[in-house]
Amino acid sequence: MKAVHFGAGNIGRGFVGLLLRQGGYEVVFSDVADALVDAINAVDSYTVHEAGPGGTDHVVTGFRAVNSRTDPAVAEEVATADVVTTAVGPTVLRFVAPSIVAGLALRSPDAAPLQVMACENAIGATDLLRQEIATAAGADAEMLLARAIFANTAVDRIVPAQPADGGVDVTVEPYFEWAIESGPFGGALPAIPGAHFVDDLAPYIERKLFTVNTGHAATAYFGARAGIERISDALADPAIAASVSAALEETSAVLVAEHGLDPADLAAYRATILERFRNPALVDTVQRVGRQPLRKISRHERFVGPAAMAAERGLPTAALVAAVSAALEFDDPADEQSAELQQLLRTEEPAAFTARTTSLDPEHPLFTAIREAVAARQQHLGAA
């Protein structure tokens, strides 16, 4: 069995690729970074270190890497693969799609369907990848899409910034979750140990996005505001811990209303998530977790997404709006989106900024609260 995984970074090697190898797949990593591809091909094994209580080391073998930017062989690899996965970021899926199209064009029509799963921090990422493949395929879309099946997934594992001298080894947390919708496979499920297949993925995706991602980013922005460097240290601050917990209580209320999830189960899930963030063995920074703030305050992301759903249901949103306020203060010149965020705050009126960055309609019940948070940030900038 063979799996082609697009994105040979830390998530690719330390999570998706690891589980695929444990399932018996030969793993072909595909990436566009020359140095990374060369480094992977220069070793026969790498180690995934699980840092923290219950962690262990996993030695990974049976892999290789190809450069999808320069090596047309990636199409041959896709053509003969059983599984294709990605961990590249939702905005990069359109650049991955042409390689998959080329592979599907070479794939025998009699072969079993290629099992495609996009493992991204986004709702419906595999659906997005399928759309990008259809676009790239053009007139051949129907024929080529028939050679694959597409399943959405929800993935969860914290992979902090890695030590500079770590090579291709990866440090991760012991906890992980990989939920995959089962319907598209028609019973022929891929062999992925530790993954669980579910009939309805939506509750798992939103539970993860609105708890793990919301909580992680909120910790980063409140921590950055307080001048704290590490995520674990930020949650050691009682005021920050209270602010993050309040935001997650609001997202849990949305999950109960939207999906009928059990409040007690969600409370236990929140507690588990916060303990993961407190893991001192994971040296993770507020700068890394807080990067790309414009994406993180966009309409269907971790703050505005659940806050909009809450506002539409008449549920509390003050703690989520407070997290957005903290995100507006995230000022890291090394992060392109942070610099753009601060520039927009200095040049656009509050309503225009709110509409642009959140895509909320001015009549939406959340719009006024976000606009007021923007105005307060702009007032502070003007007084500075």
Protein backbone atom coordinates (compact mmCIF):
# COMPACT_ATOMS: atom_id res chain seq x y z
CA MET A 1 0.00 0.00 0.00
CA LYS A 2 1.18 3.53 -0.73
CA ALA A 3 0.15 6.97 0.49
CA VAL A 4 1.20 10.29 -1.00
CA HIS A 5 1.15 13.10 1.52
CA PHE A 6 1.38 16.71 0.34
CA GLY A 7 3.14 18.88 2.91
CA ALA A 8 6.25 17.36 4.47
CA GLY A 9 6.34 19.82 7.36
CA ASN A 10 5.99 19.07 11.04
CA ILE A 11 2.31 18.05 10.91
CA GLY A 12 2.97 15.91 7.84
CA ARG A 13 5.87 14.02 9.40
CA GLY A 14 4.78 14.13 13.03
CA PHE A 15 1.12 13.26 12.68
CA VAL A 16 -0.37 12.27 9.33
CA GLY A 17 2.68 10.52 7.91
CA LEU A 18 3.32 8.73 11.21
CA LEU A 19 -0.19 7.26 11.38
CA LEU A 20 -0.12 6.27 7.71
CA ARG A 21 3.14 4.40 8.27
CA GLN A 22 1.66 2.70 11.32
CA GLY A 23 -1.16 1.58 9.04
CA GLY A 24 1.32 -0.14 6.73
CA TYR A 25 1.49 2.44 3.95
CA GLU A 26 4.72 3.37 2.24
CA VAL A 27 4.67 7.16 2.58
CA VAL A 28 5.77 9.47 -0.20
CA PHE A 29 6.06 13.02 1.07
CA SER A 30 5.54 15.73 -1.53
CA ASP A 31 6.78 19.25 -0.86
CA VAL A 32 8.15 22.29 -2.70
CA ALA A 33 10.97 23.10 -0.27
CA ASP A 34 14.18 21.80 -1.83
CA ALA A 35 16.12 21.62 1.43
CA LEU A 36 13.36 19.73 3.22
CA VAL A 37 12.94 17.19 0.42
CA ASP A 38 16.70 16.63 0.33
CA ALA A 39 16.86 16.27 4.12
CA ILE A 40 14.10 13.64 4.15
CA ASN A 41 15.75 11.66 1.36
CA ALA A 42 19.10 11.81 3.15
CA VAL A 43 17.89 9.70 6.10
CA ASP A 44 16.52 6.18 6.48
CA SER A 45 14.44 7.02 9.55
CA TYR A 46 13.26 9.88 11.72
CA THR A 47 11.85 10.02 15.23
CA VAL A 48 8.58 11.49 16.43
CA HIS A 49 9.08 12.54 20.04
CA GLU A 50 5.92 12.80 22.16
CA ALA A 51 6.64 15.43 24.82
CA GLY A 52 4.81 15.34 28.11
CA PRO A 53 3.01 12.82 30.34
CA GLY A 54 2.51 9.46 28.66
CA GLY A 55 4.66 10.39 25.69
CA THR A 56 6.90 7.97 23.84
CA ASP A 57 9.20 8.00 20.83
CA HIS A 58 8.19 6.56 17.46
CA VAL A 59 10.84 5.70 14.88
CA VAL A 60 9.48 6.11 11.36
CA THR A 61 10.87 4.24 8.36
CA GLY A 62 9.54 3.38 4.91
CA PHE A 63 9.25 6.86 3.43
CA ARG A 64 10.75 9.07 0.75
CA ALA A 65 10.12 12.52 -0.65
CA VAL A 66 9.56 14.14 -4.04
CA ASN A 67 9.59 17.81 -5.01
CA SER A 68 6.21 18.57 -6.55
CA ARG A 69 7.52 21.87 -7.89
CA THR A 70 10.37 20.41 -9.95
CA ASP A 71 9.80 16.66 -10.26
CA PRO A 72 7.01 15.43 -12.56
CA ALA A 73 7.35 12.01 -10.89
CA VAL A 74 4.83 13.17 -8.29
CA ALA A 75 2.09 12.43 -10.85
CA GLU A 76 3.31 8.83 -11.15
CA GLU A 77 3.31 8.51 -7.38
CA VAL A 78 -0.30 9.72 -7.18
CA ALA A 79 -1.30 7.46 -10.07
CA THR A 80 -0.18 4.37 -8.17
CA ALA A 81 -1.17 5.44 -4.64
CA ASP A 82 -3.99 4.10 -2.51
CA VAL A 83 -4.34 7.26 -0.40
CA VAL A 84 -3.58 10.96 -0.87
CA THR A 85 -3.54 13.30 2.12
CA THR A 86 -2.59 16.94 2.59
CA ALA A 87 -1.40 19.21 5.39
CA VAL A 88 -0.47 22.36 3.53
CA GLY A 89 -3.02 24.95 4.68
CA PRO A 90 -6.41 25.56 3.03
CA THR A 91 -5.14 28.38 0.81
CA VAL A 92 -2.44 26.14 -0.69
CA LEU A 93 -4.81 23.38 -1.81
CA ARG A 94 -5.23 25.00 -5.21
CA PHE A 95 -1.50 24.58 -5.82
CA VAL A 96 -1.67 20.90 -4.86
CA ALA A 97 -4.65 20.16 -7.12
CA PRO A 98 -2.77 20.11 -10.47
CA SER A 99 -0.42 17.36 -9.25
CA ILE A 100 -3.40 15.26 -8.19
CA VAL A 101 -5.10 15.90 -11.53
CA ALA A 102 -1.96 14.77 -13.35
CA GLY A 103 -1.88 11.62 -11.24
CA LEU A 104 -5.55 10.85 -11.81
CA ALA A 105 -5.02 11.26 -15.56
CA LEU A 106 -2.32 8.55 -15.42
CA ARG A 107 -4.31 6.30 -13.10
CA SER A 108 -5.84 3.17 -14.57
CA PRO A 109 -9.63 3.46 -14.83
CA ASP A 110 -9.78 -0.10 -13.48
CA ALA A 111 -7.82 0.74 -10.31
CA ALA A 112 -9.56 1.12 -6.98
CA PRO A 113 -10.60 4.72 -6.35
CA LEU A 114 -7.89 6.96 -4.91
CA GLN A 115 -8.84 7.88 -1.31
CA VAL A 116 -8.32 11.62 -0.87
CA MET A 117 -8.38 13.39 2.50
CA ALA A 118 -7.33 16.98 3.22
CA CYS A 119 -6.10 17.22 6.81
CA GLU A 120 -6.40 20.96 7.35
CA ASN A 121 -7.67 23.29 10.05
CA ALA A 122 -10.77 24.20 8.07
CA ILE A 123 -14.35 23.06 7.72
CA GLY A 124 -14.90 21.01 4.55
CA ALA A 125 -11.25 21.16 3.44
CA THR A 126 -11.56 18.00 1.35
CA ASP A 127 -14.61 19.45 -0.39
CA LEU A 128 -12.49 22.51 -1.19
CA LEU A 129 -9.70 20.31 -2.55
CA ARG A 130 -12.21 18.45 -4.71
CA GLN A 131 -13.42 21.76 -6.14
CA GLU A 132 -9.85 22.80 -6.89
CA ILE A 133 -9.19 19.47 -8.59
CA ALA A 134 -12.32 19.89 -10.71
CA THR A 135 -11.23 23.40 -11.68
CA ALA A 136 -7.74 22.25 -12.58
CA ALA A 137 -9.09 19.29 -14.57
CA GLY A 138 -11.33 21.46 -16.72
CA ALA A 139 -13.23 19.48 -19.35
CA ASP A 140 -11.87 16.20 -17.94
CA ALA A 141 -13.19 16.85 -14.45
CA GLU A 142 -16.05 14.34 -14.46
CA MET A 143 -13.88 11.53 -15.80
CA LEU A 144 -10.99 12.17 -13.40
CA LEU A 145 -13.13 12.75 -10.31
CA ALA A 146 -14.70 9.33 -10.89
CA ARG A 147 -11.27 7.81 -10.20
CA ALA A 148 -11.22 9.10 -6.61
CA ILE A 149 -13.31 9.36 -3.49
CA PHE A 150 -13.14 12.35 -1.18
CA ALA A 151 -13.66 12.29 2.59
CA ASN A 152 -13.59 15.26 4.94
CA THR A 153 -11.60 14.95 8.14
CA ALA A 154 -11.03 16.69 11.47
CA VAL A 155 -7.47 16.55 12.80
CA ASP A 156 -6.05 17.62 16.13
CA ARG A 157 -2.48 17.45 17.39
CA ILE A 158 -0.32 20.26 18.74
CA VAL A 159 3.03 20.44 16.98
CA PRO A 160 5.08 23.34 18.36
CA ALA A 161 7.98 25.12 16.69
CA GLN A 162 10.86 22.69 16.36
CA PRO A 163 14.47 23.08 17.57
CA ALA A 164 16.81 24.42 14.91
CA ASP A 165 19.10 21.39 15.19
CA GLY A 166 16.33 18.80 15.13
CA GLY A 167 16.77 17.71 11.52
CA VAL A 168 13.65 15.93 10.27
CA ASP A 169 12.76 14.60 13.72
CA VAL A 170 9.55 16.09 15.11
CA THR A 171 8.38 16.87 18.65
CA VAL A 172 4.61 16.62 19.21
CA GLU A 173 2.18 16.27 22.11
CA PRO A 174 1.03 12.75 23.03
CA TYR A 175 -2.67 13.54 22.39
CA PHE A 176 -4.14 13.35 18.90
CA GLU A 177 -7.50 12.96 17.21
CA TRP A 178 -8.22 12.15 13.57
CA ALA A 179 -11.92 11.85 12.72
CA ILE A 180 -12.88 10.88 9.15
CA GLU A 181 -16.32 10.72 7.57
CA SER A 182 -17.04 7.10 6.71
CA GLY A 183 -19.77 7.45 4.07
CA PRO A 184 -17.62 8.11 0.99
CA PHE A 185 -15.62 4.90 1.45
CA GLY A 186 -18.59 2.56 1.13
CA GLY A 187 -17.09 0.17 3.67
CA ALA A 188 -13.57 0.05 2.15
CA LEU A 189 -11.99 2.15 4.90
CA PRO A 190 -8.31 3.10 4.76
CA ALA A 191 -6.04 1.45 7.34
CA ILE A 192 -5.18 4.29 9.73
CA PRO A 193 -4.59 3.18 13.34
CA GLY A 194 -5.97 5.64 15.86
CA ALA A 195 -8.31 7.34 13.39
CA HIS A 196 -12.02 6.95 13.96
CA PHE A 197 -14.62 6.93 11.23
CA VAL A 198 -17.94 8.67 11.84
CA ASP A 199 -21.22 9.05 9.99
CA ASP A 200 -21.53 12.79 10.67
CA LEU A 201 -18.28 14.72 10.81
CA ALA A 202 -19.73 18.20 11.39
CA PRO A 203 -19.90 17.99 15.20
CA TYR A 204 -16.30 16.77 15.38
CA ILE A 205 -15.02 19.52 13.08
CA GLU A 206 -16.80 22.32 14.91
CA ARG A 207 -16.06 20.89 18.37
CA LYS A 208 -12.36 20.88 17.48
CA LEU A 209 -12.29 24.22 15.66
CA PHE A 210 -14.40 26.03 18.28
CA THR A 211 -12.54 24.54 21.26
CA VAL A 212 -8.96 23.66 20.35
CA ASN A 213 -8.37 26.37 17.75
CA THR A 214 -10.41 29.02 19.54
CA GLY A 215 -8.74 28.27 22.85
CA HIS A 216 -5.23 28.08 21.42
CA ALA A 217 -5.50 31.37 19.54
CA ALA A 218 -7.23 33.13 22.44
CA THR A 219 -4.40 32.04 24.74
CA ALA A 220 -1.88 33.40 22.25
CA TYR A 221 -3.56 36.81 21.86
CA PHE A 222 -4.25 37.34 25.55
CA GLY A 223 -0.71 36.15 26.27
CA ALA A 224 0.82 38.49 23.71
CA ARG A 225 -1.16 41.39 25.17
CA ALA A 226 0.35 40.55 28.59
CA GLY A 227 3.88 40.31 27.19
CA ILE A 228 4.14 36.56 27.84
CA GLU A 229 6.17 34.46 25.42
CA ARG A 230 5.05 30.86 25.96
CA ILE A 231 1.56 29.40 25.66
CA SER A 232 2.00 27.31 28.83
CA ASP A 233 3.08 30.40 30.79
CA ALA A 234 0.12 32.40 29.46
CA LEU A 235 -2.35 29.87 30.86
CA ALA A 236 -0.53 29.96 34.19
CA ASP A 237 -1.81 33.55 34.51
CA PRO A 238 -5.21 33.31 36.29
CA ALA A 239 -6.69 36.27 34.41
CA ILE A 240 -5.75 34.84 31.01
CA ALA A 241 -6.97 31.37 31.98
CA ALA A 242 -10.30 32.88 33.03
CA SER A 243 -10.64 34.81 29.76
CA VAL A 244 -9.88 31.74 27.66
CA SER A 245 -12.24 29.57 29.70
CA ALA A 246 -15.03 32.14 29.29
CA ALA A 247 -14.59 32.14 25.52
CA LEU A 248 -14.74 28.34 25.42
CA GLU A 249 -17.87 28.28 27.56
CA GLU A 250 -19.51 30.46 24.90
CA THR A 251 -18.38 28.14 22.08
CA SER A 252 -19.63 25.12 24.02
CA ALA A 253 -23.05 26.75 24.33
CA VAL A 254 -23.09 27.07 20.53
CA LEU A 255 -22.10 23.41 20.10
CA VAL A 256 -24.92 22.33 22.42
CA ALA A 257 -27.43 24.43 20.49
CA GLU A 258 -26.17 23.45 17.03
CA HIS A 259 -25.36 19.76 17.44
CA GLY A 260 -27.04 18.69 20.69
CA LEU A 261 -23.70 17.76 22.27
CA ASP A 262 -23.77 16.92 25.96
CA PRO A 263 -22.75 19.90 28.16
CA ALA A 264 -20.96 17.65 30.66
CA ASP A 265 -18.96 15.98 27.89
CA LEU A 266 -18.01 19.39 26.51
CA ALA A 267 -16.92 20.58 29.95
CA ALA A 268 -14.61 17.57 30.23
CA TYR A 269 -13.34 18.18 26.69
CA ARG A 270 -12.57 21.83 27.52
CA ALA A 271 -10.66 20.76 30.62
CA THR A 272 -8.61 18.29 28.57
CA ILE A 273 -7.81 20.93 25.96
CA LEU A 274 -6.64 23.47 28.52
CA GLU A 275 -4.43 20.86 30.20
CA ARG A 276 -2.85 20.17 26.81
CA PHE A 277 -2.06 23.85 26.38
CA ARG A 278 -0.49 23.89 29.86
CA ASN A 279 1.97 21.12 28.93
CA PRO A 280 5.36 22.69 29.83
CA ALA A 281 7.21 20.10 27.74
CA LEU A 282 5.73 21.71 24.60
CA VAL A 283 7.79 24.85 24.10
CA ASP A 284 5.22 26.77 22.07
CA THR A 285 5.10 30.54 21.66
CA VAL A 286 2.30 33.06 21.41
CA GLN A 287 3.96 34.39 18.25
CA ARG A 288 3.72 31.05 16.47
CA VAL A 289 0.15 30.33 17.54
CA GLY A 290 -1.02 33.89 16.95
CA ARG A 291 0.36 34.30 13.45
CA GLN A 292 -2.03 35.09 10.57
CA PRO A 293 -4.52 37.05 12.68
CA LEU A 294 -6.52 38.24 9.67
CA ARG A 295 -7.37 34.64 8.81
CA LYS A 296 -8.21 33.89 12.42
CA ILE A 297 -10.74 36.73 12.72
CA SER A 298 -12.40 35.92 9.38
CA ARG A 299 -16.03 34.91 9.05
CA HIS A 300 -15.94 31.13 9.42
CA GLU A 301 -12.88 30.87 11.62
CA ARG A 302 -12.41 30.26 15.35
CA PHE A 303 -13.73 33.53 16.82
CA VAL A 304 -16.24 35.14 14.50
CA GLY A 305 -17.61 31.78 13.34
CA PRO A 306 -18.93 30.63 16.73
CA ALA A 307 -19.65 34.19 17.90
CA ALA A 308 -21.88 34.78 14.87
CA MET A 309 -23.73 31.53 15.52
CA ALA A 310 -24.15 32.53 19.16
CA ALA A 311 -25.43 36.01 18.31
CA GLU A 312 -27.95 34.56 15.88
CA ARG A 313 -29.30 32.39 18.70
CA GLY A 314 -29.31 35.11 21.33
CA LEU A 315 -26.46 33.44 23.24
CA PRO A 316 -23.62 35.34 24.99
CA THR A 317 -20.69 36.55 22.87
CA ALA A 318 -18.82 38.99 25.15
CA ALA A 319 -15.89 36.64 25.85
CA LEU A 320 -15.40 35.80 22.17
CA VAL A 321 -15.53 39.49 21.27
CA ALA A 322 -12.91 40.09 23.97
CA ALA A 323 -10.70 37.51 22.26
CA VAL A 324 -11.16 39.34 18.95
CA SER A 325 -10.15 42.56 20.71
CA ALA A 326 -6.96 40.88 21.87
CA ALA A 327 -6.32 39.62 18.33
CA LEU A 328 -6.56 43.20 17.05
CA GLU A 329 -3.62 44.06 19.30
CA PHE A 330 -1.40 41.31 17.91
CA ASP A 331 1.52 43.24 16.46
CA ASP A 332 4.35 41.06 15.18
CA PRO A 333 6.34 42.72 12.36
CA ALA A 334 7.69 39.31 11.35
CA ASP A 335 4.17 38.13 10.49
CA GLU A 336 2.85 39.51 7.20
CA GLN A 337 -0.81 39.35 8.24
CA SER A 338 -0.08 41.04 11.56
CA ALA A 339 1.58 43.93 9.75
CA GLU A 340 -1.34 44.16 7.33
CA LEU A 341 -3.82 44.06 10.21
CA GLN A 342 -2.16 46.98 11.96
CA GLN A 343 -1.97 48.94 8.71
CA LEU A 344 -5.69 48.43 8.03
CA LEU A 345 -6.53 49.54 11.55
CA ARG A 346 -4.69 52.78 10.87
CA THR A 347 -6.33 53.49 7.51
CA GLU A 348 -9.93 52.21 7.51
CA GLU A 349 -13.04 53.32 9.35
CA PRO A 350 -14.34 50.85 11.97
CA ALA A 351 -17.34 49.71 9.95
CA ALA A 352 -15.32 49.25 6.76
CA PHE A 353 -12.60 47.37 8.61
CA THR A 354 -15.16 45.10 10.29
CA ALA A 355 -16.92 44.32 7.03
CA ARG A 356 -13.65 43.66 5.21
CA THR A 357 -12.02 41.41 7.80
CA THR A 358 -15.02 39.50 9.15
CA SER A 359 -17.34 39.51 6.11
CA LEU A 360 -20.22 40.19 8.50
CA ASP A 361 -23.17 42.09 7.12
CA PRO A 362 -23.76 45.38 8.98
CA GLU A 363 -27.21 44.08 9.93
CA HIS A 364 -25.81 40.95 11.56
CA PRO A 365 -26.38 40.88 15.34
CA LEU A 366 -22.62 40.47 15.97
CA PHE A 367 -21.49 43.33 13.74
CA THR A 368 -21.92 46.19 16.23
CA ALA A 369 -19.93 44.47 18.97
CA ILE A 370 -17.00 43.77 16.64
CA ARG A 371 -17.13 47.29 15.20
CA GLU A 372 -16.96 48.72 18.71
CA ALA A 373 -13.94 46.54 19.50
CA VAL A 374 -12.28 47.82 16.33
CA ALA A 375 -13.07 51.43 17.21
CA ALA A 376 -11.58 50.96 20.68
CA ARG A 377 -8.37 49.56 19.20
CA GLN A 378 -8.18 52.42 16.73
CA GLN A 379 -8.73 54.97 19.48
CA HIS A 380 -5.83 53.46 21.40
CA LEU A 381 -3.61 53.55 18.31
CA GLY A 382 -4.53 57.18 17.71
CA ALA A 383 -3.65 58.08 21.28
CA ALA A 384 -0.34 56.24 21.23
